[in-house]
N, C-alpha and C. Protein backbone atom coordinates (compact mmCIF):
# COMPACT_ATOMS: atom_id res chain seq x y z
N MET A 1 16.66 2.00 -28.29
CA MET A 1 15.27 2.51 -28.24
C MET A 1 14.42 1.88 -29.34
N TRP A 2 14.96 1.92 -30.56
CA TRP A 2 14.23 1.36 -31.69
C TRP A 2 14.05 -0.15 -31.52
N GLN A 3 15.10 -0.77 -30.99
CA GLN A 3 15.05 -2.22 -30.79
C GLN A 3 13.98 -2.56 -29.75
N GLY A 4 13.88 -1.72 -28.72
CA GLY A 4 12.85 -1.95 -27.70
C GLY A 4 11.45 -1.85 -28.26
N LEU A 5 11.24 -0.88 -29.15
CA LEU A 5 9.93 -0.74 -29.78
C LEU A 5 9.62 -1.94 -30.66
N GLU A 6 10.63 -2.44 -31.33
CA GLU A 6 10.43 -3.63 -32.17
C GLU A 6 10.04 -4.83 -31.34
N MET A 7 10.64 -4.96 -30.15
CA MET A 7 10.30 -6.06 -29.25
C MET A 7 8.87 -5.94 -28.75
N LEU A 8 8.45 -4.70 -28.47
CA LEU A 8 7.07 -4.49 -28.05
C LEU A 8 6.09 -4.90 -29.13
N LYS A 9 6.43 -4.54 -30.37
CA LYS A 9 5.55 -4.90 -31.49
C LYS A 9 5.53 -6.40 -31.70
N SER A 10 6.67 -7.05 -31.55
CA SER A 10 6.74 -8.48 -31.81
C SER A 10 5.96 -9.28 -30.79
N GLY A 11 5.78 -8.73 -29.59
CA GLY A 11 5.03 -9.45 -28.56
C GLY A 11 3.53 -9.40 -28.77
N GLY A 12 3.06 -8.58 -29.67
CA GLY A 12 1.63 -8.50 -29.94
C GLY A 12 0.88 -7.67 -28.91
N PHE A 13 -0.46 -7.79 -28.92
CA PHE A 13 -1.29 -6.96 -28.05
C PHE A 13 -1.06 -7.29 -26.57
N VAL A 14 -0.55 -8.49 -26.28
CA VAL A 14 -0.26 -8.85 -24.90
C VAL A 14 0.78 -7.91 -24.29
N MET A 15 1.70 -7.42 -25.12
CA MET A 15 2.70 -6.50 -24.62
C MET A 15 2.08 -5.18 -24.16
N ILE A 16 0.96 -4.82 -24.76
CA ILE A 16 0.25 -3.61 -24.32
C ILE A 16 -0.28 -3.82 -22.90
N LEU A 17 -0.84 -5.01 -22.65
CA LEU A 17 -1.33 -5.32 -21.30
C LEU A 17 -0.19 -5.30 -20.29
N LEU A 18 0.94 -5.87 -20.66
CA LEU A 18 2.08 -5.89 -19.75
C LEU A 18 2.65 -4.49 -19.53
N LEU A 19 2.58 -3.66 -20.56
CA LEU A 19 3.03 -2.28 -20.41
C LEU A 19 2.13 -1.52 -19.44
N VAL A 20 0.83 -1.76 -19.53
CA VAL A 20 -0.12 -1.14 -18.59
C VAL A 20 0.16 -1.61 -17.17
N CYS A 21 0.39 -2.92 -17.02
CA CYS A 21 0.72 -3.48 -15.70
C CYS A 21 2.00 -2.85 -15.15
N SER A 22 2.98 -2.67 -16.00
CA SER A 22 4.23 -2.06 -15.57
C SER A 22 4.03 -0.63 -15.11
N LEU A 23 3.26 0.13 -15.86
CA LEU A 23 2.98 1.52 -15.48
C LEU A 23 2.23 1.58 -14.15
N LEU A 24 1.31 0.63 -13.95
CA LEU A 24 0.54 0.59 -12.70
C LEU A 24 1.45 0.35 -11.50
N ILE A 25 2.33 -0.64 -11.62
CA ILE A 25 3.17 -0.96 -10.46
C ILE A 25 4.15 0.16 -10.15
N TRP A 26 4.67 0.82 -11.19
CA TRP A 26 5.60 1.91 -10.92
C TRP A 26 4.88 3.10 -10.30
N ALA A 27 3.63 3.33 -10.71
CA ALA A 27 2.85 4.40 -10.08
C ALA A 27 2.63 4.09 -8.60
N VAL A 28 2.29 2.84 -8.29
CA VAL A 28 2.10 2.44 -6.89
C VAL A 28 3.41 2.53 -6.12
N ILE A 29 4.50 2.10 -6.73
CA ILE A 29 5.80 2.13 -6.05
C ILE A 29 6.18 3.56 -5.65
N PHE A 30 6.06 4.50 -6.57
CA PHE A 30 6.44 5.88 -6.26
C PHE A 30 5.48 6.50 -5.24
N GLU A 31 4.19 6.18 -5.37
CA GLU A 31 3.21 6.73 -4.42
C GLU A 31 3.44 6.20 -3.01
N ARG A 32 3.68 4.88 -2.88
CA ARG A 32 3.90 4.28 -1.56
C ARG A 32 5.24 4.71 -0.96
N LEU A 33 6.27 4.87 -1.81
CA LEU A 33 7.56 5.35 -1.31
C LEU A 33 7.41 6.71 -0.67
N TRP A 34 6.74 7.61 -1.36
CA TRP A 34 6.54 8.96 -0.83
C TRP A 34 5.66 8.93 0.41
N ARG A 35 4.59 8.13 0.37
CA ARG A 35 3.65 8.06 1.49
C ARG A 35 4.30 7.50 2.75
N PHE A 36 4.98 6.38 2.63
CA PHE A 36 5.56 5.73 3.80
C PHE A 36 6.71 6.54 4.38
N LYS A 37 7.53 7.13 3.52
CA LYS A 37 8.66 7.92 4.01
C LYS A 37 8.18 9.15 4.77
N SER A 38 7.25 9.89 4.19
CA SER A 38 6.75 11.10 4.84
C SER A 38 5.94 10.76 6.09
N LEU A 39 5.25 9.62 6.07
CA LEU A 39 4.41 9.24 7.20
C LEU A 39 5.25 8.91 8.42
N GLY A 40 6.33 8.15 8.23
CA GLY A 40 7.18 7.78 9.36
C GLY A 40 7.74 9.00 10.08
N GLU A 41 8.20 9.97 9.32
CA GLU A 41 8.76 11.19 9.91
C GLU A 41 7.68 12.01 10.61
N ALA A 42 6.51 12.12 9.99
CA ALA A 42 5.43 12.92 10.56
C ALA A 42 4.87 12.28 11.83
N LEU A 43 4.82 10.96 11.88
CA LEU A 43 4.30 10.28 13.07
C LEU A 43 5.17 10.56 14.29
N ARG A 44 6.47 10.52 14.12
CA ARG A 44 7.38 10.77 15.24
C ARG A 44 7.28 12.22 15.73
N SER A 45 7.16 13.14 14.79
CA SER A 45 7.04 14.55 15.16
C SER A 45 5.72 14.80 15.90
N PHE A 46 4.64 14.20 15.39
CA PHE A 46 3.34 14.37 16.04
C PHE A 46 3.35 13.77 17.44
N GLN A 47 3.97 12.60 17.59
CA GLN A 47 3.99 11.93 18.88
C GLN A 47 4.64 12.80 19.95
N LEU A 48 5.72 13.46 19.60
CA LEU A 48 6.42 14.33 20.54
C LEU A 48 5.54 15.50 20.97
N GLU A 49 4.91 16.16 20.00
CA GLU A 49 4.07 17.31 20.32
C GLU A 49 2.83 16.90 21.10
N ALA A 50 2.22 15.78 20.70
CA ALA A 50 1.02 15.32 21.40
C ALA A 50 1.33 14.91 22.84
N SER A 51 2.46 14.23 23.04
CA SER A 51 2.86 13.83 24.39
C SER A 51 3.09 15.05 25.28
N ASN A 52 3.74 16.07 24.74
CA ASN A 52 3.97 17.29 25.51
C ASN A 52 2.65 17.96 25.90
N ALA A 53 1.69 17.99 24.98
CA ALA A 53 0.39 18.59 25.28
C ALA A 53 -0.34 17.80 26.37
N LEU A 54 -0.25 16.48 26.31
CA LEU A 54 -0.91 15.65 27.32
C LEU A 54 -0.22 15.78 28.68
N LEU A 55 1.09 15.87 28.69
CA LEU A 55 1.82 16.03 29.95
C LEU A 55 1.48 17.37 30.61
N ARG A 56 1.14 18.37 29.80
CA ARG A 56 0.71 19.66 30.34
C ARG A 56 -0.77 19.64 30.69
N ASN A 57 -1.44 18.52 30.34
CA ASN A 57 -2.89 18.38 30.54
C ASN A 57 -3.65 19.46 29.75
N ASP A 58 -3.13 19.77 28.56
CA ASP A 58 -3.73 20.81 27.71
C ASP A 58 -4.45 20.12 26.56
N ARG A 59 -5.69 19.77 26.80
CA ARG A 59 -6.46 19.04 25.78
C ARG A 59 -6.84 19.91 24.59
N GLU A 60 -7.01 21.21 24.85
CA GLU A 60 -7.37 22.10 23.75
C GLU A 60 -6.21 22.21 22.75
N ALA A 61 -5.00 22.29 23.27
CA ALA A 61 -3.84 22.32 22.38
C ALA A 61 -3.69 21.00 21.65
N LEU A 62 -4.00 19.91 22.35
CA LEU A 62 -3.92 18.59 21.72
C LEU A 62 -4.95 18.47 20.60
N ARG A 63 -6.16 18.93 20.86
CA ARG A 63 -7.19 18.86 19.83
C ARG A 63 -6.82 19.71 18.62
N ALA A 64 -6.28 20.89 18.88
CA ALA A 64 -5.87 21.78 17.78
C ALA A 64 -4.76 21.12 16.95
N LEU A 65 -3.83 20.46 17.63
CA LEU A 65 -2.75 19.77 16.94
C LEU A 65 -3.29 18.65 16.06
N CYS A 66 -4.26 17.91 16.60
CA CYS A 66 -4.85 16.80 15.83
C CYS A 66 -5.62 17.31 14.62
N ARG A 67 -6.33 18.42 14.80
CA ARG A 67 -7.06 19.00 13.67
C ARG A 67 -6.10 19.48 12.58
N LYS A 68 -4.98 20.01 13.02
CA LYS A 68 -3.99 20.53 12.08
C LYS A 68 -3.34 19.41 11.28
N GLN A 69 -3.14 18.25 11.93
CA GLN A 69 -2.47 17.13 11.26
C GLN A 69 -3.39 15.92 11.16
N GLU A 70 -4.62 16.20 10.76
CA GLU A 70 -5.63 15.14 10.73
C GLU A 70 -5.35 14.08 9.67
N GLN A 71 -4.39 14.33 8.79
CA GLN A 71 -4.04 13.33 7.79
C GLN A 71 -3.24 12.18 8.40
N LEU A 72 -2.77 12.34 9.63
CA LEU A 72 -1.99 11.30 10.30
C LEU A 72 -2.90 10.31 11.02
N PRO A 73 -2.58 9.02 10.95
CA PRO A 73 -3.40 8.02 11.64
C PRO A 73 -3.51 8.26 13.14
N THR A 74 -2.39 8.57 13.81
CA THR A 74 -2.43 8.77 15.25
C THR A 74 -3.23 10.01 15.63
N ALA A 75 -3.22 11.02 14.78
CA ALA A 75 -4.04 12.21 15.04
C ALA A 75 -5.52 11.85 15.02
N ARG A 76 -5.91 11.02 14.07
CA ARG A 76 -7.31 10.59 14.00
C ARG A 76 -7.67 9.69 15.20
N LEU A 77 -6.71 8.90 15.65
CA LEU A 77 -6.96 8.06 16.83
C LEU A 77 -7.18 8.92 18.07
N VAL A 78 -6.36 9.94 18.24
CA VAL A 78 -6.50 10.82 19.40
C VAL A 78 -7.82 11.60 19.33
N LEU A 79 -8.19 12.04 18.13
CA LEU A 79 -9.46 12.74 17.98
C LEU A 79 -10.64 11.84 18.34
N THR A 80 -10.55 10.57 17.97
CA THR A 80 -11.59 9.61 18.34
C THR A 80 -11.70 9.51 19.86
N ALA A 81 -10.55 9.43 20.54
CA ALA A 81 -10.54 9.35 22.00
C ALA A 81 -11.11 10.62 22.63
N LEU A 82 -10.70 11.78 22.13
CA LEU A 82 -11.18 13.04 22.69
C LEU A 82 -12.68 13.22 22.50
N ASP A 83 -13.17 12.85 21.31
CA ASP A 83 -14.61 12.97 21.05
C ASP A 83 -15.40 12.07 22.00
N ARG A 84 -14.89 10.87 22.25
CA ARG A 84 -15.54 9.97 23.19
C ARG A 84 -15.51 10.51 24.61
N LEU A 85 -14.35 10.99 25.03
CA LEU A 85 -14.19 11.48 26.40
C LEU A 85 -14.99 12.74 26.67
N ASP A 86 -15.29 13.50 25.62
CA ASP A 86 -16.07 14.73 25.77
C ASP A 86 -17.57 14.49 25.68
N SER A 87 -17.97 13.24 25.44
CA SER A 87 -19.39 12.92 25.33
C SER A 87 -20.10 13.08 26.68
N LYS A 88 -21.37 13.42 26.64
CA LYS A 88 -22.16 13.55 27.87
C LYS A 88 -22.68 12.20 28.36
N ASP A 89 -22.61 11.21 27.48
CA ASP A 89 -23.08 9.87 27.83
C ASP A 89 -21.95 9.09 28.49
N GLU A 90 -22.18 8.63 29.72
CA GLU A 90 -21.15 7.90 30.45
C GLU A 90 -20.75 6.61 29.74
N ARG A 91 -21.71 5.96 29.08
CA ARG A 91 -21.41 4.72 28.37
C ARG A 91 -20.46 4.97 27.21
N VAL A 92 -20.61 6.09 26.55
CA VAL A 92 -19.70 6.44 25.45
C VAL A 92 -18.32 6.78 25.99
N ARG A 93 -18.27 7.53 27.09
CA ARG A 93 -16.98 7.91 27.67
C ARG A 93 -16.21 6.69 28.17
N SER A 94 -16.91 5.75 28.77
CA SER A 94 -16.23 4.60 29.37
C SER A 94 -15.65 3.65 28.33
N ARG A 95 -16.13 3.74 27.08
CA ARG A 95 -15.66 2.83 26.02
C ARG A 95 -14.72 3.51 25.04
N TRP A 96 -14.07 4.56 25.47
CA TRP A 96 -13.23 5.30 24.53
C TRP A 96 -12.04 4.48 24.05
N ALA A 97 -11.46 3.66 24.92
CA ALA A 97 -10.29 2.86 24.52
C ALA A 97 -10.66 1.84 23.45
N GLU A 98 -11.84 1.22 23.59
CA GLU A 98 -12.29 0.26 22.58
C GLU A 98 -12.52 0.95 21.24
N ALA A 99 -13.06 2.17 21.28
CA ALA A 99 -13.29 2.93 20.04
C ALA A 99 -11.97 3.25 19.35
N VAL A 100 -10.96 3.60 20.13
CA VAL A 100 -9.64 3.89 19.57
C VAL A 100 -9.05 2.65 18.91
N GLU A 101 -9.20 1.51 19.55
CA GLU A 101 -8.66 0.27 18.98
C GLU A 101 -9.35 -0.09 17.67
N ARG A 102 -10.66 0.09 17.61
CA ARG A 102 -11.37 -0.18 16.36
C ARG A 102 -10.90 0.76 15.26
N ARG A 103 -10.72 2.01 15.61
CA ARG A 103 -10.24 2.99 14.64
C ARG A 103 -8.83 2.64 14.17
N ARG A 104 -8.01 2.12 15.08
CA ARG A 104 -6.64 1.76 14.71
C ARG A 104 -6.64 0.63 13.68
N LEU A 105 -7.54 -0.32 13.82
CA LEU A 105 -7.63 -1.42 12.86
C LEU A 105 -8.01 -0.89 11.47
N ILE A 106 -8.90 0.09 11.45
CA ILE A 106 -9.30 0.71 10.17
C ILE A 106 -8.10 1.43 9.54
N GLU A 107 -7.34 2.16 10.37
CA GLU A 107 -6.17 2.88 9.87
C GLU A 107 -5.13 1.91 9.31
N ASN A 108 -4.98 0.75 9.95
CA ASN A 108 -4.03 -0.26 9.46
C ASN A 108 -4.40 -0.71 8.05
N GLN A 109 -5.70 -0.90 7.82
CA GLN A 109 -6.15 -1.32 6.49
C GLN A 109 -5.95 -0.21 5.46
N ASP A 110 -6.17 1.01 5.88
CA ASP A 110 -5.98 2.14 4.94
C ASP A 110 -4.53 2.24 4.49
N LEU A 111 -3.60 1.89 5.38
CA LEU A 111 -2.19 1.97 5.02
C LEU A 111 -1.81 0.96 3.94
N ARG A 112 -2.62 -0.08 3.80
CA ARG A 112 -2.33 -1.12 2.81
C ARG A 112 -2.95 -0.81 1.44
N SER A 113 -3.58 0.34 1.34
CA SER A 113 -4.23 0.66 0.07
C SER A 113 -3.23 0.65 -1.07
N HIS A 114 -3.65 0.14 -2.20
CA HIS A 114 -2.88 0.04 -3.45
C HIS A 114 -1.88 -1.12 -3.46
N LEU A 115 -1.57 -1.71 -2.30
CA LEU A 115 -0.63 -2.84 -2.31
C LEU A 115 -1.21 -4.05 -3.03
N TRP A 116 -2.54 -4.14 -3.06
CA TRP A 116 -3.18 -5.25 -3.76
C TRP A 116 -2.84 -5.21 -5.25
N VAL A 117 -2.59 -4.01 -5.79
CA VAL A 117 -2.23 -3.89 -7.20
C VAL A 117 -0.93 -4.63 -7.46
N LEU A 118 0.05 -4.44 -6.56
CA LEU A 118 1.35 -5.11 -6.73
C LEU A 118 1.18 -6.63 -6.65
N GLY A 119 0.39 -7.10 -5.69
CA GLY A 119 0.17 -8.54 -5.56
C GLY A 119 -0.52 -9.14 -6.76
N THR A 120 -1.52 -8.42 -7.27
CA THR A 120 -2.27 -8.91 -8.42
C THR A 120 -1.40 -8.97 -9.67
N VAL A 121 -0.64 -7.91 -9.91
CA VAL A 121 0.24 -7.87 -11.09
C VAL A 121 1.32 -8.94 -10.98
N ALA A 122 1.88 -9.13 -9.77
CA ALA A 122 2.91 -10.14 -9.58
C ALA A 122 2.39 -11.54 -9.91
N THR A 123 1.13 -11.79 -9.60
CA THR A 123 0.54 -13.10 -9.86
C THR A 123 0.13 -13.26 -11.32
N ALA A 124 -0.45 -12.21 -11.89
CA ALA A 124 -1.06 -12.33 -13.21
C ALA A 124 -0.10 -12.13 -14.38
N SER A 125 0.92 -11.29 -14.22
CA SER A 125 1.76 -10.95 -15.38
C SER A 125 2.50 -12.13 -16.00
N PRO A 126 3.00 -13.12 -15.24
CA PRO A 126 3.63 -14.27 -15.92
C PRO A 126 2.64 -15.04 -16.80
N PHE A 127 1.39 -15.14 -16.34
CA PHE A 127 0.39 -15.83 -17.13
C PHE A 127 0.00 -15.03 -18.37
N ILE A 128 -0.03 -13.72 -18.23
CA ILE A 128 -0.30 -12.87 -19.40
C ILE A 128 0.81 -13.05 -20.43
N GLY A 129 2.06 -13.06 -19.96
CA GLY A 129 3.18 -13.28 -20.88
C GLY A 129 3.14 -14.65 -21.52
N LEU A 130 2.78 -15.67 -20.73
CA LEU A 130 2.67 -17.02 -21.28
C LEU A 130 1.56 -17.11 -22.32
N PHE A 131 0.47 -16.40 -22.06
CA PHE A 131 -0.63 -16.36 -23.02
C PHE A 131 -0.16 -15.77 -24.35
N GLY A 132 0.64 -14.70 -24.28
CA GLY A 132 1.18 -14.10 -25.49
C GLY A 132 2.10 -15.04 -26.24
N THR A 133 2.88 -15.82 -25.49
CA THR A 133 3.77 -16.79 -26.12
C THR A 133 2.99 -17.87 -26.85
N VAL A 134 1.94 -18.38 -26.19
CA VAL A 134 1.11 -19.41 -26.81
C VAL A 134 0.47 -18.89 -28.09
N LEU A 135 -0.02 -17.66 -28.05
CA LEU A 135 -0.62 -17.08 -29.24
C LEU A 135 0.41 -16.95 -30.36
N GLY A 136 1.63 -16.54 -29.99
CA GLY A 136 2.67 -16.39 -31.00
C GLY A 136 3.05 -17.72 -31.63
N ILE A 137 3.14 -18.77 -30.83
CA ILE A 137 3.47 -20.09 -31.37
C ILE A 137 2.36 -20.60 -32.27
N LEU A 138 1.12 -20.40 -31.84
CA LEU A 138 -0.01 -20.81 -32.67
C LEU A 138 0.00 -20.08 -34.01
N ARG A 139 0.34 -18.80 -33.94
CA ARG A 139 0.41 -18.02 -35.18
C ARG A 139 1.52 -18.54 -36.10
N SER A 140 2.64 -18.91 -35.52
CA SER A 140 3.76 -19.43 -36.31
C SER A 140 3.38 -20.73 -37.01
N PHE A 141 2.76 -21.64 -36.26
CA PHE A 141 2.35 -22.91 -36.87
C PHE A 141 1.22 -22.72 -37.88
N GLY A 142 0.38 -21.72 -37.63
CA GLY A 142 -0.67 -21.42 -38.59
C GLY A 142 -0.09 -20.93 -39.91
N ASP A 143 0.94 -20.06 -39.82
CA ASP A 143 1.62 -19.57 -41.03
C ASP A 143 2.31 -20.72 -41.77
N MET A 144 2.88 -21.65 -40.99
CA MET A 144 3.55 -22.78 -41.61
C MET A 144 2.55 -23.66 -42.35
N ALA A 145 1.35 -23.82 -41.77
CA ALA A 145 0.33 -24.64 -42.43
C ALA A 145 -0.15 -23.97 -43.71
N LYS A 146 -0.24 -22.64 -43.70
CA LYS A 146 -0.72 -21.93 -44.88
C LYS A 146 0.29 -22.00 -46.03
N THR A 147 1.56 -21.82 -45.69
CA THR A 147 2.59 -21.82 -46.73
C THR A 147 2.96 -23.22 -47.19
N GLY A 148 2.71 -24.22 -46.34
CA GLY A 148 3.06 -25.59 -46.69
C GLY A 148 4.53 -25.89 -46.56
N VAL A 149 5.26 -24.97 -45.95
CA VAL A 149 6.71 -25.16 -45.75
C VAL A 149 6.94 -25.44 -44.28
N GLY A 150 7.67 -26.51 -43.96
CA GLY A 150 7.90 -26.88 -42.57
C GLY A 150 9.34 -26.68 -42.16
N GLY A 151 9.66 -27.16 -40.94
CA GLY A 151 11.02 -27.08 -40.44
C GLY A 151 11.18 -26.03 -39.38
N PHE A 152 12.19 -26.24 -38.57
CA PHE A 152 12.42 -25.32 -37.45
C PHE A 152 12.77 -23.92 -37.92
N ALA A 153 13.48 -23.84 -39.01
CA ALA A 153 13.91 -22.54 -39.52
C ALA A 153 12.72 -21.64 -39.83
N VAL A 154 11.62 -22.26 -40.21
CA VAL A 154 10.43 -21.48 -40.57
C VAL A 154 9.78 -20.88 -39.35
N VAL A 155 9.72 -21.69 -38.26
CA VAL A 155 8.99 -21.23 -37.07
C VAL A 155 9.90 -20.58 -36.03
N ALA A 156 11.20 -20.69 -36.21
CA ALA A 156 12.13 -20.18 -35.19
C ALA A 156 11.94 -18.69 -34.95
N SER A 157 11.78 -17.94 -36.03
CA SER A 157 11.63 -16.49 -35.89
C SER A 157 10.37 -16.14 -35.12
N GLY A 158 9.27 -16.80 -35.46
CA GLY A 158 8.00 -16.54 -34.79
C GLY A 158 8.04 -16.92 -33.32
N ILE A 159 8.67 -18.06 -33.02
CA ILE A 159 8.74 -18.51 -31.63
C ILE A 159 9.61 -17.57 -30.80
N SER A 160 10.72 -17.14 -31.36
CA SER A 160 11.60 -16.23 -30.62
C SER A 160 10.90 -14.92 -30.31
N GLU A 161 10.10 -14.44 -31.26
CA GLU A 161 9.33 -13.23 -31.01
C GLU A 161 8.27 -13.46 -29.95
N ALA A 162 7.65 -14.65 -29.99
CA ALA A 162 6.59 -14.97 -29.03
C ALA A 162 7.14 -15.04 -27.62
N LEU A 163 8.37 -15.52 -27.47
CA LEU A 163 8.97 -15.65 -26.14
C LEU A 163 9.27 -14.31 -25.49
N VAL A 164 9.26 -13.26 -26.30
CA VAL A 164 9.44 -11.92 -25.74
C VAL A 164 8.34 -11.62 -24.72
N ALA A 165 7.13 -12.06 -25.00
CA ALA A 165 6.01 -11.82 -24.09
C ALA A 165 6.23 -12.50 -22.75
N THR A 166 6.73 -13.73 -22.78
CA THR A 166 7.01 -14.45 -21.53
C THR A 166 8.10 -13.74 -20.73
N ALA A 167 9.16 -13.34 -21.40
CA ALA A 167 10.25 -12.63 -20.72
C ALA A 167 9.75 -11.33 -20.09
N ALA A 168 8.92 -10.60 -20.83
CA ALA A 168 8.38 -9.34 -20.31
C ALA A 168 7.48 -9.59 -19.11
N GLY A 169 6.66 -10.64 -19.19
CA GLY A 169 5.77 -10.98 -18.07
C GLY A 169 6.54 -11.32 -16.81
N ILE A 170 7.60 -12.09 -16.96
CA ILE A 170 8.43 -12.46 -15.81
C ILE A 170 9.11 -11.23 -15.20
N LEU A 171 9.61 -10.34 -16.06
CA LEU A 171 10.28 -9.14 -15.59
C LEU A 171 9.32 -8.26 -14.78
N VAL A 172 8.12 -8.06 -15.30
CA VAL A 172 7.12 -7.26 -14.58
C VAL A 172 6.77 -7.91 -13.25
N ALA A 173 6.64 -9.24 -13.26
CA ALA A 173 6.30 -9.96 -12.03
C ALA A 173 7.39 -9.84 -10.98
N VAL A 174 8.64 -9.93 -11.40
CA VAL A 174 9.76 -9.83 -10.45
C VAL A 174 9.78 -8.47 -9.77
N VAL A 175 9.60 -7.41 -10.56
CA VAL A 175 9.56 -6.06 -9.99
C VAL A 175 8.40 -5.92 -9.00
N ALA A 176 7.23 -6.44 -9.38
CA ALA A 176 6.05 -6.34 -8.52
C ALA A 176 6.23 -7.11 -7.22
N VAL A 177 6.82 -8.30 -7.30
CA VAL A 177 7.04 -9.12 -6.09
C VAL A 177 8.01 -8.44 -5.14
N ILE A 178 9.13 -7.93 -5.67
CA ILE A 178 10.11 -7.25 -4.82
C ILE A 178 9.47 -6.04 -4.14
N ALA A 179 8.74 -5.25 -4.91
CA ALA A 179 8.09 -4.06 -4.34
C ALA A 179 7.05 -4.44 -3.30
N TYR A 180 6.26 -5.47 -3.60
CA TYR A 180 5.21 -5.90 -2.67
C TYR A 180 5.81 -6.34 -1.34
N ASN A 181 6.85 -7.17 -1.39
CA ASN A 181 7.47 -7.64 -0.15
C ASN A 181 8.12 -6.50 0.63
N ALA A 182 8.76 -5.58 -0.08
CA ALA A 182 9.38 -4.44 0.59
C ALA A 182 8.35 -3.57 1.28
N PHE A 183 7.24 -3.31 0.60
CA PHE A 183 6.21 -2.47 1.20
C PHE A 183 5.45 -3.19 2.31
N GLN A 184 5.31 -4.51 2.21
CA GLN A 184 4.70 -5.26 3.29
C GLN A 184 5.54 -5.14 4.57
N THR A 185 6.86 -5.21 4.42
CA THR A 185 7.74 -5.05 5.57
C THR A 185 7.63 -3.65 6.16
N ARG A 186 7.60 -2.65 5.29
CA ARG A 186 7.48 -1.27 5.76
C ARG A 186 6.12 -1.03 6.40
N TRP A 187 5.09 -1.62 5.83
CA TRP A 187 3.74 -1.49 6.39
C TRP A 187 3.69 -2.08 7.80
N SER A 188 4.29 -3.25 7.98
CA SER A 188 4.31 -3.88 9.31
C SER A 188 5.01 -3.00 10.33
N ALA A 189 6.12 -2.36 9.91
CA ALA A 189 6.85 -1.47 10.81
C ALA A 189 6.01 -0.26 11.19
N LEU A 190 5.28 0.31 10.22
CA LEU A 190 4.43 1.47 10.51
C LEU A 190 3.26 1.10 11.40
N VAL A 191 2.68 -0.09 11.17
CA VAL A 191 1.57 -0.56 12.01
C VAL A 191 2.03 -0.69 13.45
N LEU A 192 3.22 -1.25 13.65
CA LEU A 192 3.76 -1.39 15.01
C LEU A 192 4.02 -0.02 15.63
N LEU A 193 4.58 0.89 14.84
CA LEU A 193 4.86 2.24 15.34
C LEU A 193 3.57 2.94 15.77
N ILE A 194 2.53 2.84 14.95
CA ILE A 194 1.24 3.46 15.28
C ILE A 194 0.65 2.83 16.54
N LYS A 195 0.77 1.52 16.67
CA LYS A 195 0.26 0.82 17.85
C LYS A 195 0.96 1.31 19.11
N LEU A 196 2.28 1.39 19.05
CA LEU A 196 3.04 1.85 20.22
C LEU A 196 2.71 3.29 20.57
N HIS A 197 2.62 4.14 19.56
CA HIS A 197 2.27 5.54 19.81
C HIS A 197 0.86 5.66 20.39
N ALA A 198 -0.08 4.90 19.84
CA ALA A 198 -1.46 4.95 20.32
C ALA A 198 -1.55 4.49 21.77
N GLU A 199 -0.83 3.44 22.11
CA GLU A 199 -0.87 2.94 23.49
C GLU A 199 -0.26 3.95 24.46
N GLU A 200 0.83 4.59 24.04
CA GLU A 200 1.45 5.59 24.91
C GLU A 200 0.53 6.78 25.14
N LEU A 201 -0.09 7.27 24.06
CA LEU A 201 -1.00 8.41 24.18
C LEU A 201 -2.24 8.02 24.98
N ALA A 202 -2.70 6.78 24.83
CA ALA A 202 -3.85 6.31 25.59
C ALA A 202 -3.54 6.28 27.09
N GLU A 203 -2.31 5.90 27.44
CA GLU A 203 -1.90 5.91 28.84
C GLU A 203 -1.95 7.33 29.41
N TYR A 204 -1.42 8.29 28.65
CA TYR A 204 -1.45 9.68 29.11
C TYR A 204 -2.89 10.18 29.23
N LEU A 205 -3.71 9.84 28.25
CA LEU A 205 -5.12 10.25 28.30
C LEU A 205 -5.83 9.65 29.50
N GLY A 206 -5.56 8.37 29.75
CA GLY A 206 -6.17 7.71 30.89
C GLY A 206 -5.77 8.36 32.20
N ASP A 207 -4.49 8.74 32.30
CA ASP A 207 -4.01 9.39 33.53
C ASP A 207 -4.66 10.75 33.73
N THR A 208 -4.72 11.55 32.64
CA THR A 208 -5.32 12.88 32.77
C THR A 208 -6.81 12.80 33.03
N THR A 209 -7.47 11.80 32.45
CA THR A 209 -8.91 11.62 32.68
C THR A 209 -9.17 11.23 34.13
N ALA A 210 -8.35 10.32 34.64
CA ALA A 210 -8.50 9.90 36.03
C ALA A 210 -8.22 11.06 36.99
N ALA A 211 -7.20 11.85 36.66
CA ALA A 211 -6.87 13.00 37.50
C ALA A 211 -7.98 14.03 37.48
N GLY A 212 -8.56 14.23 36.28
CA GLY A 212 -9.68 15.17 36.17
C GLY A 212 -10.87 14.71 36.96
N GLY A 213 -11.13 13.42 36.93
CA GLY A 213 -12.26 12.87 37.68
C GLY A 213 -12.04 13.00 39.17
N ALA A 214 -10.78 12.80 39.64
CA ALA A 214 -10.46 12.94 41.04
C ALA A 214 -10.64 14.38 41.49
N ASP A 215 -10.22 15.34 40.63
CA ASP A 215 -10.37 16.74 40.96
C ASP A 215 -11.83 17.13 41.09
N ARG A 216 -12.66 16.59 40.20
CA ARG A 216 -14.08 16.91 40.26
C ARG A 216 -14.71 16.32 41.52
N GLY A 217 -14.19 15.09 41.86
CA GLY A 217 -14.73 14.44 43.05
C GLY A 217 -14.38 15.19 44.32
N ALA A 218 -13.16 15.76 44.35
CA ALA A 218 -12.75 16.52 45.51
C ALA A 218 -13.54 17.82 45.63
């Protein structure tokens, strides 16, 4: 523990920046882990209940379910479709599928929130560490010029301390890259799941809408 604090001090103020970057990525990692895990389970549960409501042609139960679980992307997609289908304007009703697709694209982007932090830290932290190393080396040579004493032995200690910043920057970057790639894969899987669920529910909605229109026509 004490040795770790000494390493932080030896890296200079750059280590403070890297520490902030590290805290940021771990906050994002824990938040996305919880979000993606709970979302996948909730989406499947909602899909089953929504499909049953549509198969019963019970739109009121479906709307109530969507209101209850409005934090879910597919629930918001279904609400968009229902609001369109309940419109008095025929032009609005006829374009409900297009409205759902636009909403789905927005939901896809919302799922990527905070991932940019991981990408930014992964790119920037090695350069931050390198910057700290350069400053440390410059400081070592500056001290050597002031004292008038040369040789590797004089600057070795300063350089070794300066390299701590580079090592820390690389470590932070590696963690950020691994997390970013893992969450990108999980995001792609969730986007596909939402797309499949939305298309299935849209088919049921289209069938019930057509059946309702036929009944009114009869």
